[in-house]
């Protein structure tokens, strides 16, 4: 996973909404995801492919359905990286 691809994928509000939806609902079929948005299936498919390319979600196939779910290890890696910017509460602030 590259951070550039991850942040590019996260920069789109529709993709962020898809991630929130998957975090709440768990594994979902593409059609189920599509039903939450007012856009074509092709557009949702594009967003899903961008999220998959960034490693934020992965897909599994069962019968005639493709299911998507969060790749939590990538989120953990991003959160760990971001946490270094919050500062250390143990350092005294200069006054």
N, C-alpha and C. Protein backbone atom coordinates (compact mmCIF):
# COMPACT_ATOMS: atom_id res chain seq x y z
N UNK A 1 0.85 -1.18 0.00
CA UNK A 1 0.00 0.00 0.00
C UNK A 1 0.89 1.24 0.00
N UNK A 2 0.57 2.19 -0.85
CA UNK A 2 1.27 3.45 -0.84
C UNK A 2 0.37 4.52 -0.25
N UNK A 3 0.95 5.37 0.57
CA UNK A 3 0.14 6.42 1.19
C UNK A 3 -0.45 7.36 0.14
N UNK A 4 0.27 7.60 -0.95
CA UNK A 4 -0.25 8.50 -1.99
C UNK A 4 -1.56 7.97 -2.55
N UNK A 5 -1.62 6.68 -2.88
CA UNK A 5 -2.86 6.08 -3.39
C UNK A 5 -3.95 6.10 -2.33
N UNK A 6 -3.56 5.83 -1.10
CA UNK A 6 -4.54 5.81 -0.01
C UNK A 6 -5.18 7.18 0.17
N UNK A 7 -4.35 8.22 0.26
CA UNK A 7 -4.89 9.56 0.48
C UNK A 7 -5.66 10.07 -0.74
N UNK A 8 -5.23 9.67 -1.93
CA UNK A 8 -5.97 10.05 -3.13
C UNK A 8 -7.37 9.41 -3.08
N UNK A 9 -7.44 8.15 -2.69
CA UNK A 9 -8.73 7.47 -2.59
C UNK A 9 -9.60 8.13 -1.53
N UNK A 10 -8.99 8.51 -0.41
CA UNK A 10 -9.74 9.13 0.69
C UNK A 10 -10.16 10.56 0.39
N UNK A 11 -9.58 11.17 -0.64
CA UNK A 11 -9.89 12.57 -0.94
C UNK A 11 -11.29 12.75 -1.53
N UNK A 12 -11.90 11.68 -2.00
CA UNK A 12 -13.23 11.78 -2.62
C UNK A 12 -14.32 11.53 -1.57
N UNK A 13 -15.28 12.45 -1.44
CA UNK A 13 -16.33 12.28 -0.41
C UNK A 13 -17.21 11.05 -0.63
N UNK A 14 -17.45 10.65 -1.86
CA UNK A 14 -18.26 9.45 -2.12
C UNK A 14 -17.52 8.22 -1.60
N UNK A 15 -16.23 8.16 -1.86
CA UNK A 15 -15.46 7.01 -1.38
C UNK A 15 -15.40 6.98 0.14
N UNK A 16 -15.30 8.15 0.75
CA UNK A 16 -15.32 8.18 2.22
C UNK A 16 -16.68 7.70 2.74
N UNK A 17 -17.76 8.09 2.07
CA UNK A 17 -19.10 7.61 2.46
C UNK A 17 -19.22 6.10 2.31
N UNK A 18 -18.63 5.56 1.25
CA UNK A 18 -18.66 4.10 1.05
C UNK A 18 -17.91 3.42 2.20
N UNK A 19 -16.78 3.97 2.59
CA UNK A 19 -16.00 3.38 3.70
C UNK A 19 -16.77 3.42 5.01
N UNK A 20 -17.45 4.54 5.27
CA UNK A 20 -18.26 4.65 6.49
C UNK A 20 -19.38 3.61 6.45
N UNK A 21 -20.02 3.47 5.30
CA UNK A 21 -21.09 2.49 5.14
C UNK A 21 -20.58 1.08 5.42
N UNK A 22 -19.43 0.74 4.86
CA UNK A 22 -18.86 -0.59 5.08
C UNK A 22 -18.43 -0.79 6.54
N UNK A 23 -18.00 0.28 7.19
CA UNK A 23 -17.60 0.14 8.59
C UNK A 23 -18.81 -0.13 9.48
N UNK A 24 -19.97 0.43 9.09
CA UNK A 24 -21.21 0.21 9.87
C UNK A 24 -21.84 -1.14 9.57
N UNK A 25 -21.90 -1.47 8.28
CA UNK A 25 -22.66 -2.64 7.83
C UNK A 25 -21.85 -3.91 7.71
N UNK A 26 -20.55 -3.79 7.59
CA UNK A 26 -19.72 -4.97 7.35
C UNK A 26 -19.72 -5.32 5.86
N UNK A 27 -19.55 -6.57 5.55
CA UNK A 27 -19.46 -7.02 4.17
C UNK A 27 -20.76 -6.74 3.43
N UNK A 28 -20.63 -6.13 2.24
CA UNK A 28 -21.82 -5.78 1.45
C UNK A 28 -21.58 -6.08 -0.02
N UNK A 29 -22.64 -6.46 -0.71
CA UNK A 29 -22.58 -6.66 -2.15
C UNK A 29 -22.59 -5.29 -2.84
N UNK A 30 -22.04 -5.25 -4.04
CA UNK A 30 -21.97 -3.99 -4.80
C UNK A 30 -23.35 -3.37 -4.97
N UNK A 31 -24.36 -4.17 -5.25
CA UNK A 31 -25.72 -3.66 -5.42
C UNK A 31 -26.27 -3.03 -4.15
N UNK A 32 -25.93 -3.64 -3.00
CA UNK A 32 -26.36 -3.07 -1.72
C UNK A 32 -25.71 -1.71 -1.48
N UNK A 33 -24.43 -1.62 -1.81
CA UNK A 33 -23.73 -0.35 -1.66
C UNK A 33 -24.36 0.69 -2.58
N UNK A 34 -24.60 0.31 -3.82
CA UNK A 34 -25.19 1.20 -4.83
C UNK A 34 -26.53 1.76 -4.38
N UNK A 35 -27.31 0.96 -3.67
CA UNK A 35 -28.65 1.39 -3.27
C UNK A 35 -28.63 2.57 -2.29
N UNK A 36 -27.48 2.86 -1.70
CA UNK A 36 -27.35 3.96 -0.75
C UNK A 36 -26.96 5.28 -1.43
N UNK A 37 -26.76 5.25 -2.74
CA UNK A 37 -26.30 6.44 -3.45
C UNK A 37 -27.17 6.69 -4.67
N UNK A 38 -27.28 7.93 -5.04
CA UNK A 38 -28.04 8.30 -6.25
C UNK A 38 -27.07 8.50 -7.40
N UNK A 39 -26.47 7.41 -7.84
CA UNK A 39 -25.57 7.44 -8.98
C UNK A 39 -25.60 6.07 -9.66
N UNK A 40 -25.05 6.01 -10.85
CA UNK A 40 -25.12 4.76 -11.61
C UNK A 40 -24.26 3.67 -10.97
N UNK A 41 -24.60 2.45 -11.29
CA UNK A 41 -23.81 1.32 -10.83
C UNK A 41 -22.38 1.41 -11.32
N UNK A 42 -22.21 1.92 -12.55
CA UNK A 42 -20.86 2.07 -13.11
C UNK A 42 -20.02 3.06 -12.29
N UNK A 43 -20.66 4.12 -11.83
CA UNK A 43 -19.94 5.12 -11.03
C UNK A 43 -19.52 4.51 -9.69
N UNK A 44 -20.43 3.79 -9.06
CA UNK A 44 -20.10 3.12 -7.79
C UNK A 44 -18.99 2.10 -8.03
N UNK A 45 -19.08 1.37 -9.12
CA UNK A 45 -18.05 0.39 -9.46
C UNK A 45 -16.68 1.05 -9.59
N UNK A 46 -16.65 2.23 -10.20
CA UNK A 46 -15.39 2.97 -10.33
C UNK A 46 -14.84 3.32 -8.95
N UNK A 47 -15.70 3.84 -8.07
CA UNK A 47 -15.25 4.21 -6.73
C UNK A 47 -14.76 2.98 -5.96
N UNK A 48 -15.46 1.87 -6.10
CA UNK A 48 -15.03 0.64 -5.43
C UNK A 48 -13.67 0.19 -5.96
N UNK A 49 -13.46 0.31 -7.26
CA UNK A 49 -12.18 -0.11 -7.83
C UNK A 49 -11.04 0.79 -7.33
N UNK A 50 -11.32 2.08 -7.15
CA UNK A 50 -10.30 2.99 -6.62
C UNK A 50 -9.97 2.66 -5.16
N UNK A 51 -10.98 2.33 -4.38
CA UNK A 51 -10.76 1.94 -2.98
C UNK A 51 -9.99 0.63 -2.90
N UNK A 52 -10.32 -0.29 -3.80
CA UNK A 52 -9.62 -1.58 -3.84
C UNK A 52 -8.16 -1.38 -4.26
N UNK A 53 -7.93 -0.56 -5.26
CA UNK A 53 -6.58 -0.26 -5.74
C UNK A 53 -5.73 0.34 -4.62
N UNK A 54 -6.34 1.15 -3.78
CA UNK A 54 -5.64 1.77 -2.66
C UNK A 54 -5.47 0.82 -1.47
N UNK A 55 -6.08 -0.36 -1.55
CA UNK A 55 -5.96 -1.33 -0.48
C UNK A 55 -6.88 -1.09 0.69
N UNK A 56 -7.82 -0.16 0.55
CA UNK A 56 -8.71 0.17 1.66
C UNK A 56 -9.86 -0.82 1.82
N UNK A 57 -10.20 -1.50 0.75
CA UNK A 57 -11.22 -2.54 0.80
C UNK A 57 -10.72 -3.75 0.03
N UNK A 58 -11.34 -4.88 0.28
CA UNK A 58 -11.07 -6.02 -0.57
C UNK A 58 -12.38 -6.69 -0.93
N UNK A 59 -12.33 -7.47 -1.99
CA UNK A 59 -13.54 -8.10 -2.47
C UNK A 59 -13.44 -9.60 -2.36
N UNK A 60 -14.60 -10.21 -2.24
CA UNK A 60 -14.69 -11.67 -2.28
C UNK A 60 -15.91 -12.01 -3.12
N UNK A 61 -15.81 -13.12 -3.81
CA UNK A 61 -16.91 -13.51 -4.69
C UNK A 61 -17.60 -14.74 -4.12
N UNK A 62 -18.92 -14.69 -4.16
CA UNK A 62 -19.73 -15.83 -3.72
C UNK A 62 -20.90 -15.95 -4.68
N UNK A 63 -20.96 -17.08 -5.37
CA UNK A 63 -21.96 -17.31 -6.41
C UNK A 63 -21.89 -16.17 -7.43
N UNK A 64 -22.98 -15.47 -7.68
CA UNK A 64 -22.98 -14.39 -8.67
C UNK A 64 -22.76 -13.01 -8.07
N UNK A 65 -22.32 -12.95 -6.84
CA UNK A 65 -22.18 -11.66 -6.15
C UNK A 65 -20.73 -11.36 -5.80
N UNK A 66 -20.40 -10.09 -5.82
CA UNK A 66 -19.10 -9.62 -5.36
C UNK A 66 -19.36 -8.82 -4.09
N UNK A 67 -18.70 -9.22 -3.02
CA UNK A 67 -18.86 -8.55 -1.73
C UNK A 67 -17.61 -7.74 -1.42
N UNK A 68 -17.84 -6.61 -0.78
CA UNK A 68 -16.74 -5.72 -0.40
C UNK A 68 -16.74 -5.54 1.11
N UNK A 69 -15.54 -5.43 1.66
CA UNK A 69 -15.42 -5.13 3.08
C UNK A 69 -14.13 -4.36 3.33
N UNK A 70 -14.08 -3.70 4.47
CA UNK A 70 -12.92 -2.89 4.82
C UNK A 70 -11.69 -3.75 5.02
N UNK A 71 -10.56 -3.22 4.63
CA UNK A 71 -9.28 -3.83 4.94
C UNK A 71 -8.75 -3.10 6.17
N UNK A 72 -9.09 -3.60 7.33
CA UNK A 72 -8.80 -2.87 8.57
C UNK A 72 -7.30 -2.71 8.82
N UNK A 73 -6.47 -3.62 8.32
CA UNK A 73 -5.04 -3.49 8.56
C UNK A 73 -4.48 -2.22 7.91
N UNK A 74 -5.03 -1.82 6.76
CA UNK A 74 -4.57 -0.58 6.12
C UNK A 74 -5.00 0.62 6.96
N UNK A 75 -6.21 0.59 7.50
CA UNK A 75 -6.66 1.70 8.35
C UNK A 75 -5.79 1.79 9.61
N UNK A 76 -5.43 0.65 10.16
CA UNK A 76 -4.57 0.65 11.34
C UNK A 76 -3.21 1.26 11.02
N UNK A 77 -2.67 0.93 9.84
CA UNK A 77 -1.38 1.47 9.43
C UNK A 77 -1.46 2.99 9.24
N UNK A 78 -2.53 3.47 8.62
CA UNK A 78 -2.71 4.91 8.41
C UNK A 78 -2.88 5.61 9.75
N UNK A 79 -3.68 5.03 10.65
CA UNK A 79 -3.89 5.64 11.96
C UNK A 79 -2.59 5.70 12.76
N UNK A 80 -1.81 4.65 12.68
CA UNK A 80 -0.52 4.63 13.36
C UNK A 80 0.38 5.73 12.83
N UNK A 81 0.41 5.88 11.51
CA UNK A 81 1.23 6.93 10.89
C UNK A 81 0.73 8.31 11.31
N UNK A 82 -0.61 8.52 11.27
CA UNK A 82 -1.17 9.82 11.64
C UNK A 82 -0.97 10.15 13.12
N UNK A 83 -0.93 9.14 13.96
CA UNK A 83 -0.84 9.37 15.41
C UNK A 83 0.47 10.06 15.79
N UNK A 84 1.49 9.96 14.96
CA UNK A 84 2.75 10.61 15.30
C UNK A 84 2.66 12.14 15.23
N UNK A 85 1.58 12.67 14.63
CA UNK A 85 1.43 14.11 14.49
C UNK A 85 0.63 14.75 15.61
N UNK A 86 0.07 13.95 16.50
CA UNK A 86 -0.77 14.53 17.54
C UNK A 86 0.04 15.15 18.68
N UNK A 87 1.32 14.88 18.73
CA UNK A 87 2.15 15.46 19.78
C UNK A 87 2.19 14.57 21.00
N UNK A 88 3.04 14.91 21.88
CA UNK A 88 3.23 14.12 23.10
C UNK A 88 2.78 14.95 24.29
N UNK A 89 1.81 14.46 25.05
CA UNK A 89 1.25 15.19 26.19
C UNK A 89 2.27 15.34 27.33
N UNK A 90 3.34 14.56 27.28
CA UNK A 90 4.28 14.58 28.40
C UNK A 90 5.29 15.73 28.30
N UNK A 91 5.40 16.36 27.14
CA UNK A 91 6.31 17.49 27.00
C UNK A 91 5.65 18.76 27.54
N UNK A 92 6.43 19.52 28.26
CA UNK A 92 5.90 20.80 28.75
C UNK A 92 5.90 21.80 27.63
N UNK A 93 4.87 22.62 27.59
CA UNK A 93 4.77 23.64 26.57
C UNK A 93 5.54 24.87 27.01
N UNK A 94 6.21 25.49 26.05
CA UNK A 94 6.90 26.75 26.36
C UNK A 94 5.89 27.86 26.55
N UNK A 95 6.11 28.66 27.57
CA UNK A 95 5.17 29.75 27.84
C UNK A 95 5.77 31.06 27.49
